[in-house]
Amino acid sequence: MTAFAGHVTVTETDYGVVLLDQRQGRYWKLNPTAGLVVDTLRAGGTERDAVARVVGRFAVDPDRAAADVAALLAAMRAAGVLAP
């Protein structure tokens, strides 16, 4: 299961999902696709679940969705937003 680091706060605003890294004082404003991925993970879903939701919501090719979700999660891990 993918989890957010303890120093990261996730909140929904009128403009979408925002992640706040309290340790670094940085934030990520997510687009609707990334917001859907984050919502899926917060609900206990897996990377595979997130891909399925992206495909269902945005009618994108499954291979493309899988690559995009993997890239997003890799970037979030590299930034320390996700727990190791």
PDB file of N, CA and C in Angstrom:
ATOM      1  N   MET A   1       0.840  -1.182   0.000  1.00  0.00           N
ATOM      2  CA  MET A   1       0.000   0.000   0.000  1.00  0.00           C
ATOM      3  C   MET A   1       0.887   1.249   0.000  1.00  0.00           C
ATOM      4  N   THR A   2       0.510   2.225  -0.768  1.00  0.00           N
ATOM      5  CA  THR A   2       1.242   3.481  -0.851  1.00  0.00           C
ATOM      6  C   THR A   2       0.666   4.445   0.169  1.00  0.00           C
ATOM      7  N   ALA A   3       1.529   5.027   0.996  1.00  0.00           N
ATOM      8  CA  ALA A   3       1.076   5.947   2.037  1.00  0.00           C
ATOM      9  C   ALA A   3       1.853   7.256   1.939  1.00  0.00           C
ATOM     10  N   PHE A   4       1.223   8.301   2.413  1.00  0.00           N
ATOM     11  CA  PHE A   4       1.876   9.602   2.432  1.00  0.00           C
ATOM     12  C   PHE A   4       2.759   9.711   3.666  1.00  0.00           C
ATOM     13  N   ALA A   5       3.853  10.437   3.529  1.00  0.00           N
ATOM     14  CA  ALA A   5       4.756  10.657   4.652  1.00  0.00           C
ATOM     15  C   ALA A   5       4.004  11.405   5.751  1.00  0.00           C
ATOM     16  N   GLY A   6       4.421  11.192   6.992  1.00  0.00           N
ATOM     17  CA  GLY A   6       3.738  11.794   8.130  1.00  0.00           C
ATOM     18  C   GLY A   6       3.764  13.307   8.147  1.00  0.00           C
ATOM     19  N   HIS A   7       4.724  13.914   7.479  1.00  0.00           N
ATOM     20  CA  HIS A   7       4.847  15.370   7.460  1.00  0.00           C
ATOM     21  C   HIS A   7       4.086  16.005   6.288  1.00  0.00           C
ATOM     22  N   VAL A   8       3.282  15.210   5.597  1.00  0.00           N
ATOM     23  CA  VAL A   8       2.533  15.706   4.440  1.00  0.00           C
ATOM     24  C   VAL A   8       1.048  15.763   4.778  1.00  0.00           C
ATOM     25  N   THR A   9       0.461  16.914   4.534  1.00  0.00           N
ATOM     26  CA  THR A   9      -0.968  17.108   4.719  1.00  0.00           C
ATOM     27  C   THR A   9      -1.622  17.159   3.347  1.00  0.00           C
ATOM     28  N   VAL A  10      -2.724  16.442   3.212  1.00  0.00           N
ATOM     29  CA  VAL A  10      -3.481  16.434   1.957  1.00  0.00           C
ATOM     30  C   VAL A  10      -4.799  17.138   2.224  1.00  0.00           C
ATOM     31  N   THR A  11      -5.134  18.092   1.382  1.00  0.00           N
ATOM     32  CA  THR A  11      -6.396  18.797   1.557  1.00  0.00           C
ATOM     33  C   THR A  11      -7.039  19.060   0.199  1.00  0.00           C
ATOM     34  N   GLU A  12      -8.352  19.126   0.215  1.00  0.00           N
ATOM     35  CA  GLU A  12      -9.092  19.461  -0.999  1.00  0.00           C
ATOM     36  C   GLU A  12      -9.556  20.899  -0.890  1.00  0.00           C
ATOM     37  N   THR A  13      -9.362  21.648  -1.964  1.00  0.00           N
ATOM     38  CA  THR A  13      -9.792  23.037  -2.022  1.00  0.00           C
ATOM     39  C   THR A  13     -10.816  23.181  -3.140  1.00  0.00           C
ATOM     40  N   ASP A  14     -11.307  24.382  -3.305  1.00  0.00           N
ATOM     41  CA  ASP A  14     -12.225  24.652  -4.413  1.00  0.00           C
ATOM     42  C   ASP A  14     -11.529  24.464  -5.761  1.00  0.00           C
ATOM     43  N   TYR A  15     -10.204  24.466  -5.743  1.00  0.00           N
ATOM     44  CA  TYR A  15      -9.430  24.390  -6.976  1.00  0.00           C
ATOM     45  C   TYR A  15      -8.779  23.035  -7.199  1.00  0.00           C
ATOM     46  N   GLY A  16      -9.029  22.083  -6.317  1.00  0.00           N
ATOM     47  CA  GLY A  16      -8.461  20.750  -6.463  1.00  0.00           C
ATOM     48  C   GLY A  16      -7.720  20.304  -5.222  1.00  0.00           C
ATOM     49  N   VAL A  17      -6.966  19.238  -5.369  1.00  0.00           N
ATOM     50  CA  VAL A  17      -6.227  18.649  -4.257  1.00  0.00           C
ATOM     51  C   VAL A  17      -4.860  19.326  -4.134  1.00  0.00           C
ATOM     52  N   VAL A  18      -4.478  19.597  -2.881  1.00  0.00           N
ATOM     53  CA  VAL A  18      -3.189  20.212  -2.589  1.00  0.00           C
ATOM     54  C   VAL A  18      -2.479  19.363  -1.543  1.00  0.00           C
ATOM     55  N   LEU A  19      -1.185  19.127  -1.758  1.00  0.00           N
ATOM     56  CA  LEU A  19      -0.340  18.440  -0.784  1.00  0.00           C
ATOM     57  C   LEU A  19       0.593  19.476  -0.177  1.00  0.00           C
ATOM     58  N   LEU A  20       0.712  19.481   1.156  1.00  0.00           N
ATOM     59  CA  LEU A  20       1.625  20.391   1.832  1.00  0.00           C
ATOM     60  C   LEU A  20       2.683  19.575   2.549  1.00  0.00           C
ATOM     61  N   ASP A  21       3.923  19.784   2.161  1.00  0.00           N
ATOM     62  CA  ASP A  21       5.063  19.160   2.826  1.00  0.00           C
ATOM     63  C   ASP A  21       5.465  20.105   3.953  1.00  0.00           C
ATOM     64  N   GLN A  22       5.046  19.780   5.174  1.00  0.00           N
ATOM     65  CA  GLN A  22       5.279  20.671   6.310  1.00  0.00           C
ATOM     66  C   GLN A  22       6.752  20.750   6.691  1.00  0.00           C
ATOM     67  N   ARG A  23       7.508  19.746   6.373  1.00  0.00           N
ATOM     68  CA  ARG A  23       8.932  19.728   6.703  1.00  0.00           C
ATOM     69  C   ARG A  23       9.698  20.732   5.841  1.00  0.00           C
ATOM     70  N   GLN A  24       9.353  20.798   4.565  1.00  0.00           N
ATOM     71  CA  GLN A  24      10.070  21.676   3.639  1.00  0.00           C
ATOM     72  C   GLN A  24       9.329  22.978   3.347  1.00  0.00           C
ATOM     73  N   GLY A  25       8.076  23.070   3.782  1.00  0.00           N
ATOM     74  CA  GLY A  25       7.295  24.264   3.507  1.00  0.00           C
ATOM     75  C   GLY A  25       6.918  24.405   2.041  1.00  0.00           C
ATOM     76  N   ARG A  26       6.834  23.286   1.347  1.00  0.00           N
ATOM     77  CA  ARG A  26       6.489  23.289  -0.080  1.00  0.00           C
ATOM     78  C   ARG A  26       5.115  22.673  -0.268  1.00  0.00           C
ATOM     79  N   TYR A  27       4.456  23.072  -1.342  1.00  0.00           N
ATOM     80  CA  TYR A  27       3.167  22.463  -1.640  1.00  0.00           C
ATOM     81  C   TYR A  27       3.084  22.066  -3.099  1.00  0.00           C
ATOM     82  N   TRP A  28       2.202  21.095  -3.336  1.00  0.00           N
ATOM     83  CA  TRP A  28       1.924  20.606  -4.686  1.00  0.00           C
ATOM     84  C   TRP A  28       0.447  20.854  -4.958  1.00  0.00           C
ATOM     85  N   LYS A  29       0.131  21.625  -5.986  1.00  0.00           N
ATOM     86  CA  LYS A  29      -1.252  21.776  -6.438  1.00  0.00           C
ATOM     87  C   LYS A  29      -1.427  20.786  -7.580  1.00  0.00           C
ATOM     88  N   LEU A  30      -2.357  19.854  -7.400  1.00  0.00           N
ATOM     89  CA  LEU A  30      -2.494  18.751  -8.344  1.00  0.00           C
ATOM     90  C   LEU A  30      -3.567  19.010  -9.389  1.00  0.00           C
ATOM     91  N   ASN A  31      -3.330  18.512 -10.596  1.00  0.00           N
ATOM     92  CA  ASN A  31      -4.364  18.573 -11.626  1.00  0.00           C
ATOM     93  C   ASN A  31      -5.411  17.501 -11.321  1.00  0.00           C
ATOM     94  N   PRO A  32      -6.538  17.499 -12.026  1.00  0.00           N
ATOM     95  CA  PRO A  32      -7.600  16.535 -11.712  1.00  0.00           C
ATOM     96  C   PRO A  32      -7.162  15.074 -11.781  1.00  0.00           C
ATOM     97  N   THR A  33      -6.286  14.736 -12.701  1.00  0.00           N
ATOM     98  CA  THR A  33      -5.831  13.351 -12.805  1.00  0.00           C
ATOM     99  C   THR A  33      -5.004  12.962 -11.584  1.00  0.00           C
ATOM    100  N   ALA A  34      -4.045  13.792 -11.226  1.00  0.00           N
ATOM    101  CA  ALA A  34      -3.224  13.513 -10.045  1.00  0.00           C
ATOM    102  C   ALA A  34      -4.077  13.522  -8.781  1.00  0.00           C
ATOM    103  N   GLY A  35      -5.061  14.404  -8.726  1.00  0.00           N
ATOM    104  CA  GLY A  35      -5.970  14.431  -7.582  1.00  0.00           C
ATOM    105  C   GLY A  35      -6.738  13.132  -7.437  1.00  0.00           C
ATOM    106  N   LEU A  36      -7.151  12.566  -8.551  1.00  0.00           N
ATOM    107  CA  LEU A  36      -7.855  11.284  -8.525  1.00  0.00           C
ATOM    108  C   LEU A  36      -6.935  10.178  -8.017  1.00  0.00           C
ATOM    109  N   VAL A  37      -5.686  10.201  -8.429  1.00  0.00           N
ATOM    110  CA  VAL A  37      -4.710   9.213  -7.952  1.00  0.00           C
ATOM    111  C   VAL A  37      -4.539   9.347  -6.439  1.00  0.00           C
ATOM    112  N   VAL A  38      -4.363  10.563  -5.958  1.00  0.00           N
ATOM    113  CA  VAL A  38      -4.189  10.799  -4.523  1.00  0.00           C
ATOM    114  C   VAL A  38      -5.428  10.362  -3.750  1.00  0.00           C
ATOM    115  N   ASP A  39      -6.607  10.709  -4.243  1.00  0.00           N
ATOM    116  CA  ASP A  39      -7.846  10.286  -3.574  1.00  0.00           C
ATOM    117  C   ASP A  39      -7.926   8.770  -3.480  1.00  0.00           C
ATOM    118  N   THR A  40      -7.528   8.085  -4.531  1.00  0.00           N
ATOM    119  CA  THR A  40      -7.551   6.621  -4.544  1.00  0.00           C
ATOM    120  C   THR A  40      -6.607   6.060  -3.490  1.00  0.00           C
ATOM    121  N   LEU A  41      -5.408   6.600  -3.420  1.00  0.00           N
ATOM    122  CA  LEU A  41      -4.430   6.130  -2.436  1.00  0.00           C
ATOM    123  C   LEU A  41      -4.886   6.423  -1.012  1.00  0.00           C
ATOM    124  N   ARG A  42      -5.446   7.593  -0.794  1.00  0.00           N
ATOM    125  CA  ARG A  42      -5.926   7.957   0.550  1.00  0.00           C
ATOM    126  C   ARG A  42      -7.053   7.048   1.006  1.00  0.00           C
ATOM    127  N   ALA A  43      -7.820   6.529   0.068  1.00  0.00           N
ATOM    128  CA  ALA A  43      -8.931   5.627   0.402  1.00  0.00           C
ATOM    129  C   ALA A  43      -8.457   4.188   0.578  1.00  0.00           C
ATOM    130  N   GLY A  44      -7.142   3.970   0.508  1.00  0.00           N
ATOM    131  CA  GLY A  44      -6.603   2.628   0.690  1.00  0.00           C
ATOM    132  C   GLY A  44      -6.384   1.861  -0.590  1.00  0.00           C
ATOM    133  N   GLY A  45      -6.585   2.522  -1.724  1.00  0.00           N
ATOM    134  CA  GLY A  45      -6.394   1.862  -3.009  1.00  0.00           C
ATOM    135  C   GLY A  45      -4.925   1.707  -3.355  1.00  0.00           C
ATOM    136  N   THR A  46      -4.687   0.893  -4.344  1.00  0.00           N
ATOM    137  CA  THR A  46      -3.331   0.612  -4.807  1.00  0.00           C
ATOM    138  C   THR A  46      -3.028   1.428  -6.060  1.00  0.00           C
ATOM    139  N   GLU A  47      -1.795   1.322  -6.513  1.00  0.00           N
ATOM    140  CA  GLU A  47      -1.420   1.960  -7.774  1.00  0.00           C
ATOM    141  C   GLU A  47      -2.290   1.416  -8.908  1.00  0.00           C
ATOM    142  N   ARG A  48      -2.521   0.128  -8.903  1.00  0.00           N
ATOM    143  CA  ARG A  48      -3.365  -0.491  -9.933  1.00  0.00           C
ATOM    144  C   ARG A  48      -4.794   0.068  -9.872  1.00  0.00           C
ATOM    145  N   ASP A  49      -5.317   0.258  -8.659  1.00  0.00           N
ATOM    146  CA  ASP A  49      -6.650   0.849  -8.505  1.00  0.00           C
ATOM    147  C   ASP A  49      -6.679   2.265  -9.079  1.00  0.00           C
ATOM    148  N   ALA A  50      -5.619   3.009  -8.820  1.00  0.00           N
ATOM    149  CA  ALA A  50      -5.548   4.378  -9.331  1.00  0.00           C
ATOM    150  C   ALA A  50      -5.548   4.396 -10.853  1.00  0.00           C
ATOM    151  N   VAL A  51      -4.808   3.480 -11.454  1.00  0.00           N
ATOM    152  CA  VAL A  51      -4.780   3.388 -12.917  1.00  0.00           C
ATOM    153  C   VAL A  51      -6.182   3.092 -13.446  1.00  0.00           C
ATOM    154  N   ALA A  52      -6.863   2.148 -12.831  1.00  0.00           N
ATOM    155  CA  ALA A  52      -8.218   1.791 -13.275  1.00  0.00           C
ATOM    156  C   ALA A  52      -9.164   2.981 -13.170  1.00  0.00           C
ATOM    157  N   ARG A  53      -9.042   3.755 -12.096  1.00  0.00           N
ATOM    158  CA  ARG A  53      -9.913   4.923 -11.942  1.00  0.00           C
ATOM    159  C   ARG A  53      -9.594   5.995 -12.982  1.00  0.00           C
ATOM    160  N   VAL A  54      -8.322   6.184 -13.279  1.00  0.00           N
ATOM    161  CA  VAL A  54      -7.936   7.164 -14.299  1.00  0.00           C
ATOM    162  C   VAL A  54      -8.485   6.747 -15.660  1.00  0.00           C
ATOM    163  N   VAL A  55      -8.336   5.472 -15.996  1.00  0.00           N
ATOM    164  CA  VAL A  55      -8.852   4.966 -17.276  1.00  0.00           C
ATOM    165  C   VAL A  55     -10.363   5.161 -17.351  1.00  0.00           C
ATOM    166  N   GLY A  56     -11.056   4.831 -16.272  1.00  0.00           N
ATOM    167  CA  GLY A  56     -12.513   4.956 -16.256  1.00  0.00           C
ATOM    168  C   GLY A  56     -13.005   6.383 -16.324  1.00  0.00           C
ATOM    169  N   ARG A  57     -12.314   7.284 -15.669  1.00  0.00           N
ATOM    170  CA  ARG A  57     -12.760   8.673 -15.608  1.00  0.00           C
ATOM    171  C   ARG A  57     -12.379   9.464 -16.843  1.00  0.00           C
ATOM    172  N   PHE A  58     -11.191   9.219 -17.367  1.00  0.00           N
ATOM    173  CA  PHE A  58     -10.680  10.059 -18.441  1.00  0.00           C
ATOM    174  C   PHE A  58     -10.581   9.359 -19.793  1.00  0.00           C
ATOM    175  N   ALA A  59     -11.008   8.109 -19.866  1.00  0.00           N
ATOM    176  CA  ALA A  59     -11.013   7.347 -21.122  1.00  0.00           C
ATOM    177  C   ALA A  59      -9.657   7.410 -21.828  1.00  0.00           C
ATOM    178  N   VAL A  60      -8.617   7.167 -21.071  1.00  0.00           N
ATOM    179  CA  VAL A  60      -7.257   7.174 -21.602  1.00  0.00           C
ATOM    180  C   VAL A  60      -6.797   5.728 -21.780  1.00  0.00           C
ATOM    181  N   ASP A  61      -5.835   5.509 -22.652  1.00  0.00           N
ATOM    182  CA  ASP A  61      -5.279   4.186 -22.885  1.00  0.00           C
ATOM    183  C   ASP A  61      -4.696   3.636 -21.576  1.00  0.00           C
ATOM    184  N   PRO A  62      -5.001   2.387 -21.234  1.00  0.00           N
ATOM    185  CA  PRO A  62      -4.512   1.814 -19.968  1.00  0.00           C
ATOM    186  C   PRO A  62      -2.990   1.837 -19.821  1.00  0.00           C
ATOM    187  N   ASP A  63      -2.254   1.579 -20.891  1.00  0.00           N
ATOM    188  CA  ASP A  63      -0.791   1.612 -20.798  1.00  0.00           C
ATOM    189  C   ASP A  63      -0.285   3.024 -20.520  1.00  0.00           C
ATOM    190  N   ARG A  64      -0.906   3.989 -21.160  1.00  0.00           N
ATOM    191  CA  ARG A  64      -0.529   5.393 -20.931  1.00  0.00           C
ATOM    192  C   ARG A  64      -0.852   5.801 -19.499  1.00  0.00           C
ATOM    193  N   ALA A  65      -2.035   5.404 -19.016  1.00  0.00           N
ATOM    194  CA  ALA A  65      -2.428   5.723 -17.643  1.00  0.00           C
ATOM    195  C   ALA A  65      -1.463   5.095 -16.648  1.00  0.00           C
ATOM    196  N   ALA A  66      -1.082   3.846 -16.881  1.00  0.00           N
ATOM    197  CA  ALA A  66      -0.156   3.155 -15.976  1.00  0.00           C
ATOM    198  C   ALA A  66       1.195   3.868 -15.940  1.00  0.00           C
ATOM    199  N   ALA A  67       1.679   4.288 -17.097  1.00  0.00           N
ATOM    200  CA  ALA A  67       2.960   4.994 -17.155  1.00  0.00           C
ATOM    201  C   ALA A  67       2.875   6.343 -16.446  1.00  0.00           C
ATOM    202  N   ASP A  68       1.770   7.057 -16.654  1.00  0.00           N
ATOM    203  CA  ASP A  68       1.607   8.370 -16.028  1.00  0.00           C
ATOM    204  C   ASP A  68       1.484   8.257 -14.513  1.00  0.00           C
ATOM    205  N   VAL A  69       0.718   7.283 -14.038  1.00  0.00           N
ATOM    206  CA  VAL A  69       0.562   7.085 -12.592  1.00  0.00           C
ATOM    207  C   VAL A  69       1.904   6.690 -11.985  1.00  0.00           C
ATOM    208  N   ALA A  70       2.624   5.797 -12.636  1.00  0.00           N
ATOM    209  CA  ALA A  70       3.940   5.384 -12.133  1.00  0.00           C
ATOM    210  C   ALA A  70       4.894   6.575 -12.068  1.00  0.00           C
ATOM    211  N   ALA A  71       4.869   7.427 -13.081  1.00  0.00           N
ATOM    212  CA  ALA A  71       5.739   8.608 -13.096  1.00  0.00           C
ATOM    213  C   ALA A  71       5.368   9.575 -11.974  1.00  0.00           C
ATOM    214  N   LEU A  72       4.077   9.778 -11.757  1.00  0.00           N
ATOM    215  CA  LEU A  72       3.626  10.649 -10.672  1.00  0.00           C
ATOM    216  C   LEU A  72       4.106  10.117  -9.327  1.00  0.00           C
ATOM    217  N   LEU A  73       3.902   8.830  -9.089  1.00  0.00           N
ATOM    218  CA  LEU A  73       4.303   8.244  -7.810  1.00  0.00           C
ATOM    219  C   LEU A  73       5.819   8.280  -7.634  1.00  0.00           C
ATOM    220  N   ALA A  74       6.564   8.073  -8.702  1.00  0.00           N
ATOM    221  CA  ALA A  74       8.022   8.150  -8.620  1.00  0.00           C
ATOM    222  C   ALA A  74       8.473   9.564  -8.250  1.00  0.00           C
ATOM    223  N   ALA A  75       7.851  10.561  -8.848  1.00  0.00           N
ATOM    224  CA  ALA A  75       8.191  11.950  -8.535  1.00  0.00           C
ATOM    225  C   ALA A  75       7.840  12.285  -7.091  1.00  0.00           C
ATOM    226  N   MET A  76       6.707  11.778  -6.631  1.00  0.00           N
ATOM    227  CA  MET A  76       6.295  12.033  -5.252  1.00  0.00           C
ATOM    228  C   MET A  76       7.228  11.332  -4.264  1.00  0.00           C
ATOM    229  N   ARG A  77       7.665  10.130  -4.602  1.00  0.00           N
ATOM    230  CA  ARG A  77       8.630   9.422  -3.740  1.00  0.00           C
ATOM    231  C   ARG A  77       9.958  10.185  -3.693  1.00  0.00           C
ATOM    232  N   ALA A  78      10.423  10.620  -4.852  1.00  0.00           N
ATOM    233  CA  ALA A  78      11.693  11.345  -4.922  1.00  0.00           C
ATOM    234  C   ALA A  78      11.647  12.643  -4.117  1.00  0.00           C
ATOM    235  N   ALA A  79      10.477  13.259  -4.052  1.00  0.00           N
ATOM    236  CA  ALA A  79      10.310  14.503  -3.306  1.00  0.00           C
ATOM    237  C   ALA A  79      10.068  14.265  -1.820  1.00  0.00           C
ATOM    238  N   GLY A  80       9.928  13.001  -1.428  1.00  0.00           N
ATOM    239  CA  GLY A  80       9.691  12.681  -0.022  1.00  0.00           C
ATOM    240  C   GLY A  80       8.257  12.845   0.420  1.00  0.00           C
ATOM    241  N   VAL A  81       7.348  12.974  -0.538  1.00  0.00           N
ATOM    242  CA  VAL A  81       5.928  13.139  -0.220  1.00  0.00           C
ATOM    243  C   VAL A  81       5.301  11.807   0.187  1.00  0.00           C
ATOM    244  N   LEU A  82       5.762  10.728  -0.428  1.00  0.00           N
ATOM    245  CA  LEU A  82       5.262   9.398  -0.091  1.00  0.00           C
ATOM    246  C   LEU A  82       6.212   8.726   0.889  1.00  0.00           C
ATOM    247  N   ALA A  83       5.648   7.917   1.750  1.00  0.00           N
ATOM    248  CA  ALA A  83       6.467   7.154   2.691  1.00  0.00           C
ATOM    249  C   ALA A  83       7.307   6.154   1.908  1.00  0.00           C
ATOM    250  N   PRO A  84       8.530   5.895   2.385  1.00  0.00           N
ATOM    251  CA  PRO A  84       9.392   4.937   1.669  1.00  0.00           C
ATOM    252  C   PRO A  84       8.829   3.525   1.687  1.00  0.00           C
TER     253      PRO A  84
END
